[in-house]
Amino acid sequence: MDIKIIISAVLLFSLESLSQDVKKEVNPHDCKMMFTYGYGYNKFFHISPSGSHDGGNITIRFLVRARSDAHLLLSSTPTPMDGEAVYEVVLGGGKNVFSDIRRLRLGSTKATAYTKDLLSPVELRGFWVHFDGKGILQVGKEGDDFPFLFWADPSPLDIRYFSFSTWTGVVGKWLYDCPIANDSETIEIVEAKPTTMTEKLRKYLLSNYNPYALPVLHEDHRLAVFMHLTFHHVNLDMKRSAFSIDGTVPMHWIDEKIHWKPEDYGGLTSLHITEHEVWIPEIVLYNAVGHGANILGHAGMTVTSEGAVMWSPSAHLEVWCNLNLDQWPNDIHTCE
């Protein structure tokens, strides 16, 4: 049986009283930086025992850039299990329309507020989250004394850890552990400040990078993406009239926003980054079984000092295929 295939193919933390810290300004310079993509709390930070978290006040301050759904998780343990009691703060949920406080991850809402356009996909915006140890959890904007969202927990948790996340298809850029303007106090977390040439280069390239914008310096420039499909497995489901392919899609393009002098960074000519830290093409499969989006898997990326970007994600492609079995077993099918 022959088969012919055509496939068209962005936190500042300190332990202080609420009345003090929300009036201080954050200094975005020398911050640590983290990117999140999709939903899942993969990295937890420990609130230092030297702080006043045992029955005291906790204030977490941060800057975040995301088009919607910036999530902050507060927990008693470093790796909370599903169903374990936590506080989950959702900023800009529902396509950047509302914000929530939950007591379980993805659990029922305890408090909500209408916050249309709270987040921004192009600029960093600052927030603070305050927990007084007695059950009152408050969320506010940087520079505001009063919260726009709050809830009183009758059975307060002993908060010792926190983590960040976004939502499916959403990139988040976070700035955290920043020095407070005119103040040297910051929260102690289990993570060293960036000192290597690689970290310095990452900060130089990604601090002001917008992954949602086409990576060209001039509007009249065109961006060419070169790609091909490498087959690993194919399957024809005759009962469903569906044809599927599993493989990889190596691709490369030139990102005009990425450029550096190797001699300024210890001779580094390339850098390994995670997907969605920079712009990536949106691939949609036509005639797909399902919506045809999100067909690419996860994979690391490599960028060079000249702006070349290389990415080889896995792919699962499934399309409808009109079958004609009149000539079986010598039938020929064209799926496109």
C-alpha atoms as a PDB file:
ATOM      1  CA  MET A   1       0.000   0.000   0.000  1.00  0.00           C
ATOM      2  CA  ASP A   2       1.503   3.344  -1.048  1.00  0.00           C
ATOM      3  CA  ILE A   3       0.761   6.553   0.805  1.00  0.00           C
ATOM      4  CA  LYS A   4       1.409  10.020  -0.563  1.00  0.00           C
ATOM      5  CA  ILE A   5       1.566  12.790   2.005  1.00  0.00           C
ATOM      6  CA  ILE A   6       1.218  16.542   1.622  1.00  0.00           C
ATOM      7  CA  ILE A   7       1.339  18.495   4.887  1.00  0.00           C
ATOM      8  CA  SER A   8       0.563  22.197   4.901  1.00  0.00           C
ATOM      9  CA  ALA A   9       2.025  23.241   6.976  1.00  0.00           C
ATOM     10  CA  VAL A  10       8.517  37.548  32.158  1.00  0.00           C
ATOM     11  CA  LEU A  11      10.183  38.940  41.765  1.00  0.00           C
ATOM     12  CA  LEU A  12      11.258  41.170  44.316  1.00  0.00           C
ATOM     13  CA  PHE A  13      10.911  39.742  47.808  1.00  0.00           C
ATOM     14  CA  SER A  14      11.345  41.189  51.270  1.00  0.00           C
ATOM     15  CA  LEU A  15      10.005  40.386  54.723  1.00  0.00           C
ATOM     16  CA  GLU A  16       8.719  43.634  56.146  1.00  0.00           C
ATOM     17  CA  SER A  17       5.533  45.103  57.495  1.00  0.00           C
ATOM     18  CA  LEU A  18       2.907  45.968  54.931  1.00  0.00           C
ATOM     19  CA  SER A  19       2.851  49.660  55.825  1.00  0.00           C
ATOM     20  CA  GLN A  20       6.597  49.923  55.171  1.00  0.00           C
ATOM     21  CA  ASP A  21       7.268  47.867  52.101  1.00  0.00           C
ATOM     22  CA  VAL A  22       4.412  48.846  49.788  1.00  0.00           C
ATOM     23  CA  LYS A  23       5.570  52.467  49.986  1.00  0.00           C
ATOM     24  CA  LYS A  24       9.101  51.608  48.871  1.00  0.00           C
ATOM     25  CA  GLU A  25       9.997  51.532  45.224  1.00  0.00           C
ATOM     26  CA  VAL A  26      11.552  48.526  43.590  1.00  0.00           C
ATOM     27  CA  ASN A  27      14.839  48.847  41.780  1.00  0.00           C
ATOM     28  CA  PRO A  28      14.625  46.612  38.702  1.00  0.00           C
ATOM     29  CA  HIS A  29      18.382  46.668  38.219  1.00  0.00           C
ATOM     30  CA  ASP A  30      20.388  43.691  39.497  1.00  0.00           C
ATOM     31  CA  CYS A  31      17.237  41.592  39.801  1.00  0.00           C
ATOM     32  CA  LYS A  32      17.159  37.878  39.222  1.00  0.00           C
ATOM     33  CA  MET A  33      15.128  36.821  36.250  1.00  0.00           C
ATOM     34  CA  MET A  34      12.998  33.800  35.461  1.00  0.00           C
ATOM     35  CA  PHE A  35      10.790  32.721  32.577  1.00  0.00           C
ATOM     36  CA  THR A  36       7.765  30.454  32.824  1.00  0.00           C
ATOM     37  CA  TYR A  37       5.743  28.857  30.082  1.00  0.00           C
ATOM     38  CA  GLY A  38       2.569  26.876  30.546  1.00  0.00           C
ATOM     39  CA  TYR A  39       1.071  25.738  33.818  1.00  0.00           C
ATOM     40  CA  GLY A  40       3.203  23.994  36.426  1.00  0.00           C
ATOM     41  CA  TYR A  41       5.258  24.999  39.459  1.00  0.00           C
ATOM     42  CA  ASN A  42       8.703  23.654  38.635  1.00  0.00           C
ATOM     43  CA  LYS A  43      10.963  25.729  40.875  1.00  0.00           C
ATOM     44  CA  PHE A  44      10.264  26.551  44.528  1.00  0.00           C
ATOM     45  CA  PHE A  45      11.992  29.237  46.584  1.00  0.00           C
ATOM     46  CA  HIS A  46      12.456  28.923  50.332  1.00  0.00           C
ATOM     47  CA  ILE A  47      11.708  31.859  52.607  1.00  0.00           C
ATOM     48  CA  SER A  48      14.792  32.188  54.800  1.00  0.00           C
ATOM     49  CA  PRO A  49      14.442  31.011  58.428  1.00  0.00           C
ATOM     50  CA  SER A  50      16.114  34.296  59.387  1.00  0.00           C
ATOM     51  CA  GLY A  51      12.944  36.040  58.276  1.00  0.00           C
ATOM     52  CA  SER A  52       9.782  36.512  60.329  1.00  0.00           C
ATOM     53  CA  HIS A  53       7.688  33.868  58.635  1.00  0.00           C
ATOM     54  CA  ASP A  54       6.950  32.002  61.880  1.00  0.00           C
ATOM     55  CA  GLY A  55       3.752  33.768  62.831  1.00  0.00           C
ATOM     56  CA  GLY A  56       4.994  37.028  61.314  1.00  0.00           C
ATOM     57  CA  ASN A  57       4.322  39.086  58.244  1.00  0.00           C
ATOM     58  CA  ILE A  58       5.395  37.989  54.779  1.00  0.00           C
ATOM     59  CA  THR A  59       5.427  40.394  51.855  1.00  0.00           C
ATOM     60  CA  ILE A  60       6.368  39.131  48.409  1.00  0.00           C
ATOM     61  CA  ARG A  61       6.996  41.779  45.769  1.00  0.00           C
ATOM     62  CA  PHE A  62       7.670  41.135  42.113  1.00  0.00           C
ATOM     63  CA  LEU A  63       7.617  42.396  38.557  1.00  0.00           C
ATOM     64  CA  VAL A  64       6.013  40.299  35.847  1.00  0.00           C
ATOM     65  CA  ARG A  65       5.348  40.554  32.142  1.00  0.00           C
ATOM     66  CA  ALA A  66       2.720  38.268  30.638  1.00  0.00           C
ATOM     67  CA  ARG A  67      -0.308  38.654  28.438  1.00  0.00           C
ATOM     68  CA  SER A  68      -2.474  36.945  31.103  1.00  0.00           C
ATOM     69  CA  ASP A  69      -2.501  34.351  33.899  1.00  0.00           C
ATOM     70  CA  ALA A  70       0.484  35.109  36.146  1.00  0.00           C
ATOM     71  CA  HIS A  71       0.317  32.586  39.005  1.00  0.00           C
ATOM     72  CA  LEU A  72       2.007  32.731  42.416  1.00  0.00           C
ATOM     73  CA  LEU A  73       1.853  29.709  44.725  1.00  0.00           C
ATOM     74  CA  LEU A  74       2.456  29.926  48.493  1.00  0.00           C
ATOM     75  CA  SER A  75       2.969  26.641  50.304  1.00  0.00           C
ATOM     76  CA  SER A  76       4.191  25.001  53.500  1.00  0.00           C
ATOM     77  CA  THR A  77       6.323  22.443  51.658  1.00  0.00           C
ATOM     78  CA  PRO A  78       8.761  22.682  48.722  1.00  0.00           C
ATOM     79  CA  THR A  79       6.893  20.194  46.548  1.00  0.00           C
ATOM     80  CA  PRO A  80       3.190  20.268  47.454  1.00  0.00           C
ATOM     81  CA  MET A  81       1.200  17.306  46.212  1.00  0.00           C
ATOM     82  CA  ASP A  82      -2.043  17.569  44.283  1.00  0.00           C
ATOM     83  CA  GLY A  83      -4.817  18.252  46.772  1.00  0.00           C
ATOM     84  CA  GLU A  84      -2.433  19.679  49.396  1.00  0.00           C
ATOM     85  CA  ALA A  85      -3.542  22.994  50.950  1.00  0.00           C
ATOM     86  CA  VAL A  86      -1.771  25.970  49.370  1.00  0.00           C
ATOM     87  CA  TYR A  87      -2.543  29.567  48.455  1.00  0.00           C
ATOM     88  CA  GLU A  88      -2.674  30.184  44.717  1.00  0.00           C
ATOM     89  CA  VAL A  89      -2.870  33.794  43.531  1.00  0.00           C
ATOM     90  CA  VAL A  90      -3.928  34.226  39.901  1.00  0.00           C
ATOM     91  CA  LEU A  91      -3.340  37.612  38.283  1.00  0.00           C
ATOM     92  CA  GLY A  92      -5.059  38.432  35.009  1.00  0.00           C
ATOM     93  CA  GLY A  93      -6.944  35.193  34.602  1.00  0.00           C
ATOM     94  CA  GLY A  94      -9.546  34.561  31.922  1.00  0.00           C
ATOM     95  CA  LYS A  95      -7.619  36.366  29.181  1.00  0.00           C
ATOM     96  CA  ASN A  96      -6.521  39.172  31.544  1.00  0.00           C
ATOM     97  CA  VAL A  97      -9.979  39.935  32.923  1.00  0.00           C
ATOM     98  CA  PHE A  98     -10.092  38.806  36.591  1.00  0.00           C
ATOM     99  CA  SER A  99      -7.826  37.868  39.519  1.00  0.00           C
ATOM    100  CA  ASP A 100      -8.379  35.137  42.108  1.00  0.00           C
ATOM    101  CA  ILE A 101      -7.209  33.726  45.415  1.00  0.00           C
ATOM    102  CA  ARG A 102      -7.542  29.960  45.804  1.00  0.00           C
ATOM    103  CA  ARG A 103      -6.750  27.591  48.667  1.00  0.00           C
ATOM    104  CA  LEU A 104      -5.969  24.636  46.432  1.00  0.00           C
ATOM    105  CA  ARG A 105      -4.042  24.509  43.204  1.00  0.00           C
ATOM    106  CA  LEU A 106      -6.681  24.905  40.472  1.00  0.00           C
ATOM    107  CA  GLY A 107      -9.221  24.787  43.304  1.00  0.00           C
ATOM    108  CA  SER A 108     -12.374  26.758  43.977  1.00  0.00           C
ATOM    109  CA  THR A 109     -12.091  30.533  44.227  1.00  0.00           C
ATOM    110  CA  LYS A 110     -12.061  32.116  47.703  1.00  0.00           C
ATOM    111  CA  ALA A 111     -11.910  35.727  46.502  1.00  0.00           C
ATOM    112  CA  THR A 112     -12.087  37.332  43.085  1.00  0.00           C
ATOM    113  CA  ALA A 113     -11.827  40.804  41.550  1.00  0.00           C
ATOM    114  CA  TYR A 114     -12.467  42.272  38.120  1.00  0.00           C
ATOM    115  CA  THR A 115      -9.036  43.369  36.877  1.00  0.00           C
ATOM    116  CA  LYS A 116      -9.281  43.845  33.112  1.00  0.00           C
ATOM    117  CA  ASP A 117      -5.904  44.536  31.453  1.00  0.00           C
ATOM    118  CA  LEU A 118      -4.049  44.103  34.748  1.00  0.00           C
ATOM    119  CA  LEU A 119      -1.079  42.481  33.018  1.00  0.00           C
ATOM    120  CA  SER A 120       0.835  43.527  29.929  1.00  0.00           C
ATOM    121  CA  PRO A 121       2.544  41.429  27.255  1.00  0.00           C
ATOM    122  CA  VAL A 122       5.063  44.208  26.529  1.00  0.00           C
ATOM    123  CA  GLU A 123       5.926  45.834  29.868  1.00  0.00           C
ATOM    124  CA  LEU A 124       6.863  44.685  33.357  1.00  0.00           C
ATOM    125  CA  ARG A 125       4.281  45.490  36.019  1.00  0.00           C
ATOM    126  CA  GLY A 126       4.875  45.351  39.761  1.00  0.00           C
ATOM    127  CA  PHE A 127       2.741  43.712  42.451  1.00  0.00           C
ATOM    128  CA  TRP A 128       2.911  42.757  46.117  1.00  0.00           C
ATOM    129  CA  VAL A 129       1.346  39.879  48.029  1.00  0.00           C
ATOM    130  CA  HIS A 130       1.101  40.190  51.820  1.00  0.00           C
ATOM    131  CA  PHE A 131       0.289  37.446  54.331  1.00  0.00           C
ATOM    132  CA  ASP A 132       0.088  38.398  58.009  1.00  0.00           C
ATOM    133  CA  GLY A 133       0.408  34.876  59.422  1.00  0.00           C
ATOM    134  CA  LYS A 134      -3.064  35.135  60.956  1.00  0.00           C
ATOM    135  CA  GLY A 135      -4.888  34.277  57.770  1.00  0.00           C
ATOM    136  CA  ILE A 136      -5.266  37.585  55.936  1.00  0.00           C
ATOM    137  CA  LEU A 137      -3.890  37.413  52.394  1.00  0.00           C
ATOM    138  CA  GLN A 138      -3.769  40.643  50.381  1.00  0.00           C
ATOM    139  CA  VAL A 139      -2.732  41.397  46.804  1.00  0.00           C
ATOM    140  CA  GLY A 140      -1.952  44.874  45.475  1.00  0.00           C
ATOM    141  CA  LYS A 141      -0.245  46.841  42.745  1.00  0.00           C
ATOM    142  CA  GLU A 142       3.251  48.200  43.256  1.00  0.00           C
ATOM    143  CA  GLY A 143       2.944  51.729  44.681  1.00  0.00           C
ATOM    144  CA  ASP A 144      -0.609  51.232  46.001  1.00  0.00           C
ATOM    145  CA  ASP A 145      -1.170  51.094  49.761  1.00  0.00           C
ATOM    146  CA  PHE A 146      -4.435  49.213  49.507  1.00  0.00           C
ATOM    147  CA  PRO A 147      -5.032  45.769  47.999  1.00  0.00           C
ATOM    148  CA  PHE A 148      -7.349  45.138  45.085  1.00  0.00           C
ATOM    149  CA  LEU A 149      -7.864  41.538  46.252  1.00  0.00           C
ATOM    150  CA  PHE A 150      -7.913  39.987  49.736  1.00  0.00           C
ATOM    151  CA  TRP A 151      -9.210  37.021  51.711  1.00  0.00           C
ATOM    152  CA  ALA A 152      -9.182  35.902  55.350  1.00  0.00           C
ATOM    153  CA  ASP A 153      -8.402  32.212  55.872  1.00  0.00           C
ATOM    154  CA  PRO A 154      -9.995  30.870  59.081  1.00  0.00           C
ATOM    155  CA  SER A 155      -7.313  28.154  59.207  1.00  0.00           C
ATOM    156  CA  PRO A 156      -4.059  29.884  58.188  1.00  0.00           C
ATOM    157  CA  LEU A 157      -1.229  27.949  56.588  1.00  0.00           C
ATOM    158  CA  ASP A 158       2.401  28.187  57.674  1.00  0.00           C
ATOM    159  CA  ILE A 159       3.908  29.638  54.522  1.00  0.00           C
ATOM    160  CA  ARG A 160       7.562  28.783  53.840  1.00  0.00           C
ATOM    161  CA  TYR A 161       7.857  28.412  50.060  1.00  0.00           C
ATOM    162  CA  PHE A 162       6.675  30.106  46.879  1.00  0.00           C
ATOM    163  CA  SER A 163       6.763  29.446  43.156  1.00  0.00           C
ATOM    164  CA  PHE A 164       5.702  30.997  39.840  1.00  0.00           C
ATOM    165  CA  SER A 165       3.747  29.765  36.855  1.00  0.00           C
ATOM    166  CA  THR A 166       1.675  30.972  33.940  1.00  0.00           C
ATOM    167  CA  TRP A 167      -0.894  29.153  31.823  1.00  0.00           C
ATOM    168  CA  THR A 168      -1.075  27.086  28.665  1.00  0.00           C
ATOM    169  CA  GLY A 169       0.485  29.010  25.792  1.00  0.00           C
ATOM    170  CA  VAL A 170       1.482  31.966  28.014  1.00  0.00           C
ATOM    171  CA  VAL A 171       5.066  33.164  28.506  1.00  0.00           C
ATOM    172  CA  GLY A 172       5.847  34.913  31.795  1.00  0.00           C
ATOM    173  CA  LYS A 173       8.936  36.988  32.536  1.00  0.00           C
ATOM    174  CA  TRP A 174       9.540  37.502  36.264  1.00  0.00           C
ATOM    175  CA  LEU A 175      11.972  39.826  38.065  1.00  0.00           C
ATOM    176  CA  TYR A 176      12.570  38.860  41.687  1.00  0.00           C
ATOM    177  CA  ASP A 177      15.030  39.226  44.555  1.00  0.00           C
ATOM    178  CA  CYS A 178      15.558  42.830  43.462  1.00  0.00           C
ATOM    179  CA  PRO A 179      17.155  45.389  45.776  1.00  0.00           C
ATOM    180  CA  ILE A 180      14.642  47.890  47.125  1.00  0.00           C
ATOM    181  CA  ALA A 181      15.498  51.436  46.109  1.00  0.00           C
ATOM    182  CA  ASN A 182      17.614  53.032  48.860  1.00  0.00           C
ATOM    183  CA  ASP A 183      17.453  49.805  50.855  1.00  0.00           C
ATOM    184  CA  SER A 184      19.777  46.808  50.913  1.00  0.00           C
ATOM    185  CA  GLU A 185      17.277  44.373  52.461  1.00  0.00           C
ATOM    186  CA  THR A 186      16.042  41.498  50.328  1.00  0.00           C
ATOM    187  CA  ILE A 187      14.687  38.114  51.112  1.00  0.00           C
ATOM    188  CA  GLU A 188      17.185  35.273  51.266  1.00  0.00           C
ATOM    189  CA  ILE A 189      16.423  32.500  48.829  1.00  0.00           C
ATOM    190  CA  VAL A 190      18.256  29.365  47.873  1.00  0.00           C
ATOM    191  CA  GLU A 191      19.756  30.580  44.624  1.00  0.00           C
ATOM    192  CA  ALA A 192      23.080  32.242  43.823  1.00  0.00           C
ATOM    193  CA  LYS A 193      23.198  35.558  42.010  1.00  0.00           C
ATOM    194  CA  PRO A 194      24.322  35.307  38.398  1.00  0.00           C
ATOM    195  CA  THR A 195      28.085  35.675  38.093  1.00  0.00           C
ATOM    196  CA  THR A 196      29.035  33.549  35.082  1.00  0.00           C
ATOM    197  CA  MET A 197      29.486  34.918  31.594  1.00  0.00           C
ATOM    198  CA  THR A 198      26.535  32.811  30.482  1.00  0.00           C
ATOM    199  CA  GLU A 199      24.213  34.416  33.046  1.00  0.00           C
ATOM    200  CA  LYS A 200      25.482  37.893  32.183  1.00  0.00           C
ATOM    201  CA  LEU A 201      24.825  37.211  28.521  1.00  0.00           C
ATOM    202  CA  ARG A 202      21.352  35.861  29.257  1.00  0.00           C
ATOM    203  CA  LYS A 203      20.514  39.023  31.172  1.00  0.00           C
ATOM    204  CA  TYR A 204      21.847  41.238  28.379  1.00  0.00           C
ATOM    205  CA  LEU A 205      19.823  39.464  25.713  1.00  0.00           C
ATOM    206  CA  LEU A 206      16.575  38.712  27.522  1.00  0.00           C
ATOM    207  CA  SER A 207      15.964  41.556  30.012  1.00  0.00           C
ATOM    208  CA  ASN A 208      14.053  43.687  27.514  1.00  0.00           C
ATOM    209  CA  TYR A 209      13.173  41.040  24.952  1.00  0.00           C
ATOM    210  CA  ASN A 210       9.516  40.724  23.935  1.00  0.00           C
ATOM    211  CA  PRO A 211       8.838  37.152  22.736  1.00  0.00           C
ATOM    212  CA  TYR A 212       5.450  38.157  21.299  1.00  0.00           C
ATOM    213  CA  ALA A 213       6.888  40.606  18.754  1.00  0.00           C
ATOM    214  CA  LEU A 214       8.319  39.574  15.411  1.00  0.00           C
ATOM    215  CA  PRO A 215      12.135  39.699  15.811  1.00  0.00           C
ATOM    216  CA  VAL A 216      12.901  42.265  13.115  1.00  0.00           C
ATOM    217  CA  LEU A 217      14.410  45.720  13.571  1.00  0.00           C
ATOM    218  CA  HIS A 218      12.399  47.345  10.797  1.00  0.00           C
ATOM    219  CA  GLU A 219       8.740  46.830   9.965  1.00  0.00           C
ATOM    220  CA  ASP A 220       9.431  46.294   6.277  1.00  0.00           C
ATOM    221  CA  HIS A 221      11.807  43.389   6.953  1.00  0.00           C
ATOM    222  CA  ARG A 222      10.582  39.896   6.242  1.00  0.00           C
ATOM    223  CA  LEU A 223      11.425  36.914   8.401  1.00  0.00           C
ATOM    224  CA  ALA A 224      12.099  33.597   6.705  1.00  0.00           C
ATOM    225  CA  VAL A 225      11.788  30.398   8.737  1.00  0.00           C
ATOM    226  CA  PHE A 226      13.436  27.330   7.221  1.00  0.00           C
ATOM    227  CA  MET A 227      12.022  24.003   8.361  1.00  0.00           C
ATOM    228  CA  HIS A 228      11.549  20.381   7.396  1.00  0.00           C
ATOM    229  CA  LEU A 229       9.912  17.303   8.861  1.00  0.00           C
ATOM    230  CA  THR A 230      11.892  14.236   9.939  1.00  0.00           C
ATOM    231  CA  PHE A 231       9.695  11.112  10.191  1.00  0.00           C
ATOM    232  CA  HIS A 232      10.061   8.686  13.107  1.00  0.00           C
ATOM    233  CA  HIS A 233       6.710   6.895  12.984  1.00  0.00           C
ATOM    234  CA  VAL A 234       3.660   6.952  10.708  1.00  0.00           C
ATOM    235  CA  ASN A 235       0.250   5.352  11.142  1.00  0.00           C
ATOM    236  CA  LEU A 236      -2.891   5.099   9.037  1.00  0.00           C
ATOM    237  CA  ASP A 237      -6.058   4.488  11.052  1.00  0.00           C
ATOM    238  CA  MET A 238      -8.507   3.141   8.499  1.00  0.00           C
ATOM    239  CA  LYS A 239     -11.430   3.016  10.918  1.00  0.00           C
ATOM    240  CA  ARG A 240     -11.108   6.719  11.732  1.00  0.00           C
ATOM    241  CA  SER A 241      -9.794   7.771   8.320  1.00  0.00           C
ATOM    242  CA  ALA A 242      -6.937   9.516  10.099  1.00  0.00           C
ATOM    243  CA  PHE A 243      -3.246   9.624   9.260  1.00  0.00           C
ATOM    244  CA  SER A 244      -0.654  10.474  11.934  1.00  0.00           C
ATOM    245  CA  ILE A 245       3.061  11.219  11.942  1.00  0.00           C
ATOM    246  CA  ASP A 246       5.454  11.441  14.884  1.00  0.00           C
ATOM    247  CA  GLY A 247       8.802  13.074  14.262  1.00  0.00           C
ATOM    248  CA  THR A 248      10.853  16.225  14.703  1.00  0.00           C
ATOM    249  CA  VAL A 249      10.702  19.567  12.923  1.00  0.00           C
ATOM    250  CA  PRO A 250      14.191  21.111  12.739  1.00  0.00           C
ATOM    251  CA  MET A 251      13.932  24.802  11.928  1.00  0.00           C
ATOM    252  CA  HIS A 252      16.114  27.882  11.921  1.00  0.00           C
ATOM    253  CA  TRP A 253      15.779  31.623  11.330  1.00  0.00           C
ATOM    254  CA  ILE A 254      17.590  34.913  11.971  1.00  0.00           C
ATOM    255  CA  ASP A 255      16.492  36.934  15.021  1.00  0.00           C
ATOM    256  CA  GLU A 256      17.563  40.533  14.390  1.00  0.00           C
ATOM    257  CA  LYS A 257      17.170  41.390  18.096  1.00  0.00           C
ATOM    258  CA  ILE A 258      19.849  38.898  19.142  1.00  0.00           C
ATOM    259  CA  HIS A 259      23.448  40.015  18.646  1.00  0.00           C
ATOM    260  CA  TRP A 260      26.502  40.262  20.877  1.00  0.00           C
ATOM    261  CA  LYS A 261      30.278  40.534  20.709  1.00  0.00           C
ATOM    262  CA  PRO A 262      31.789  37.213  21.846  1.00  0.00           C
ATOM    263  CA  GLU A 263      34.880  39.003  23.214  1.00  0.00           C
ATOM    264  CA  ASP A 264      32.629  40.836  25.702  1.00  0.00           C
ATOM    265  CA  TYR A 265      31.346  37.540  27.123  1.00  0.00           C
ATOM    266  CA  GLY A 266      34.367  35.315  27.520  1.00  0.00           C
ATOM    267  CA  GLY A 267      34.387  34.209  23.912  1.00  0.00           C
ATOM    268  CA  LEU A 268      30.854  32.776  23.967  1.00  0.00           C
ATOM    269  CA  THR A 269      29.588  32.416  20.428  1.00  0.00           C
ATOM    270  CA  SER A 270      26.353  30.548  21.228  1.00  0.00           C
ATOM    271  CA  LEU A 271      23.846  30.263  24.053  1.00  0.00           C
ATOM    272  CA  HIS A 272      21.388  27.538  24.996  1.00  0.00           C
ATOM    273  CA  ILE A 273      17.974  28.822  26.071  1.00  0.00           C
ATOM    274  CA  THR A 274      14.550  27.367  26.704  1.00  0.00           C
ATOM    275  CA  GLU A 275      11.715  27.675  24.256  1.00  0.00           C
ATOM    276  CA  HIS A 276       9.533  30.770  24.437  1.00  0.00           C
ATOM    277  CA  GLU A 277      12.304  32.915  25.960  1.00  0.00           C
ATOM    278  CA  VAL A 278      12.575  34.330  22.455  1.00  0.00           C
ATOM    279  CA  TRP A 279      10.126  34.527  19.569  1.00  0.00           C
ATOM    280  CA  ILE A 280       9.115  31.262  17.933  1.00  0.00           C
ATOM    281  CA  PRO A 281       6.869  30.731  14.909  1.00  0.00           C
ATOM    282  CA  GLU A 282       3.274  29.684  15.474  1.00  0.00           C
ATOM    283  CA  ILE A 283       2.647  26.549  13.447  1.00  0.00           C
ATOM    284  CA  VAL A 284      -0.909  25.462  12.638  1.00  0.00           C
ATOM    285  CA  LEU A 285      -1.698  22.176  10.879  1.00  0.00           C
ATOM    286  CA  TYR A 286      -4.493  22.397   8.347  1.00  0.00           C
ATOM    287  CA  ASN A 287      -6.975  19.542   7.868  1.00  0.00           C
ATOM    288  CA  ALA A 288      -6.003  18.485  11.383  1.00  0.00           C
ATOM    289  CA  VAL A 289      -7.846  16.065  13.626  1.00  0.00           C
ATOM    290  CA  GLY A 290      -8.635  18.611  16.338  1.00  0.00           C
ATOM    291  CA  HIS A 291      -7.753  22.307  16.319  1.00  0.00           C
ATOM    292  CA  GLY A 292      -4.329  21.863  14.689  1.00  0.00           C
ATOM    293  CA  ALA A 293      -2.523  24.161  17.145  1.00  0.00           C
ATOM    294  CA  ASN A 294       0.074  23.173  19.743  1.00  0.00           C
ATOM    295  CA  ILE A 295       1.361  20.395  17.534  1.00  0.00           C
ATOM    296  CA  LEU A 296       4.999  20.976  18.536  1.00  0.00           C
ATOM    297  CA  GLY A 297       6.605  19.525  21.642  1.00  0.00           C
ATOM    298  CA  HIS A 298       9.174  21.006  24.015  1.00  0.00           C
ATOM    299  CA  ALA A 299      12.837  21.381  23.115  1.00  0.00           C
ATOM    300  CA  GLY A 300      15.768  23.613  23.991  1.00  0.00           C
ATOM    301  CA  MET A 301      16.994  26.246  21.567  1.00  0.00           C
ATOM    302  CA  THR A 302      20.403  27.496  20.509  1.00  0.00           C
ATOM    303  CA  VAL A 303      21.131  31.092  19.498  1.00  0.00           C
ATOM    304  CA  THR A 304      24.378  32.439  18.097  1.00  0.00           C
ATOM    305  CA  SER A 305      26.104  35.802  18.407  1.00  0.00           C
ATOM    306  CA  GLU A 306      24.995  36.585  14.850  1.00  0.00           C
ATOM    307  CA  GLY A 307      21.305  36.026  15.644  1.00  0.00           C
ATOM    308  CA  ALA A 308      20.824  32.559  14.197  1.00  0.00           C
ATOM    309  CA  VAL A 309      18.212  30.539  16.099  1.00  0.00           C
ATOM    310  CA  MET A 310      18.078  26.733  15.882  1.00  0.00           C
ATOM    311  CA  TRP A 311      15.146  24.737  17.257  1.00  0.00           C
ATOM    312  CA  SER A 312      14.190  21.082  16.729  1.00  0.00           C
ATOM    313  CA  PRO A 313      10.955  20.323  18.614  1.00  0.00           C
ATOM    314  CA  SER A 314       9.152  17.021  18.442  1.00  0.00           C
ATOM    315  CA  ALA A 315       5.868  16.970  16.546  1.00  0.00           C
ATOM    316  CA  HIS A 316       2.690  14.916  16.461  1.00  0.00           C
ATOM    317  CA  LEU A 317       0.684  15.532  13.305  1.00  0.00           C
ATOM    318  CA  GLU A 318      -2.709  13.970  12.694  1.00  0.00           C
ATOM    319  CA  VAL A 319      -4.872  14.783   9.681  1.00  0.00           C
ATOM    320  CA  TRP A 320      -8.073  13.482   8.162  1.00  0.00           C
ATOM    321  CA  CYS A 321      -7.570  11.288   5.123  1.00  0.00           C
ATOM    322  CA  ASN A 322     -10.286  10.310   2.648  1.00  0.00           C
ATOM    323  CA  LEU A 323      -9.745   6.597   2.064  1.00  0.00           C
ATOM    324  CA  ASN A 324     -10.741   4.565  -0.939  1.00  0.00           C
ATOM    325  CA  LEU A 325     -10.344   0.852  -0.281  1.00  0.00           C
ATOM    326  CA  ASP A 326     -11.753  -0.372  -3.596  1.00  0.00           C
ATOM    327  CA  GLN A 327      -8.280  -1.473  -4.745  1.00  0.00           C
ATOM    328  CA  TRP A 328      -7.228  -3.092  -1.448  1.00  0.00           C
ATOM    329  CA  PRO A 329      -4.606  -4.431  -0.852  1.00  0.00           C
ATOM    330  CA  ASN A 330      -3.103  -2.411  -3.712  1.00  0.00           C
ATOM    331  CA  ASP A 331      -4.797   0.804  -2.673  1.00  0.00           C
ATOM    332  CA  ILE A 332      -3.072   4.188  -2.859  1.00  0.00           C
ATOM    333  CA  HIS A 333      -4.111   7.069  -0.606  1.00  0.00           C
ATOM    334  CA  THR A 334      -3.244  10.752  -0.704  1.00  0.00           C
ATOM    335  CA  CYS A 335      -3.484  12.561   2.635  1.00  0.00           C
ATOM    336  CA  GLU A 336      -3.068  16.325   2.686  1.00  0.00           C
END
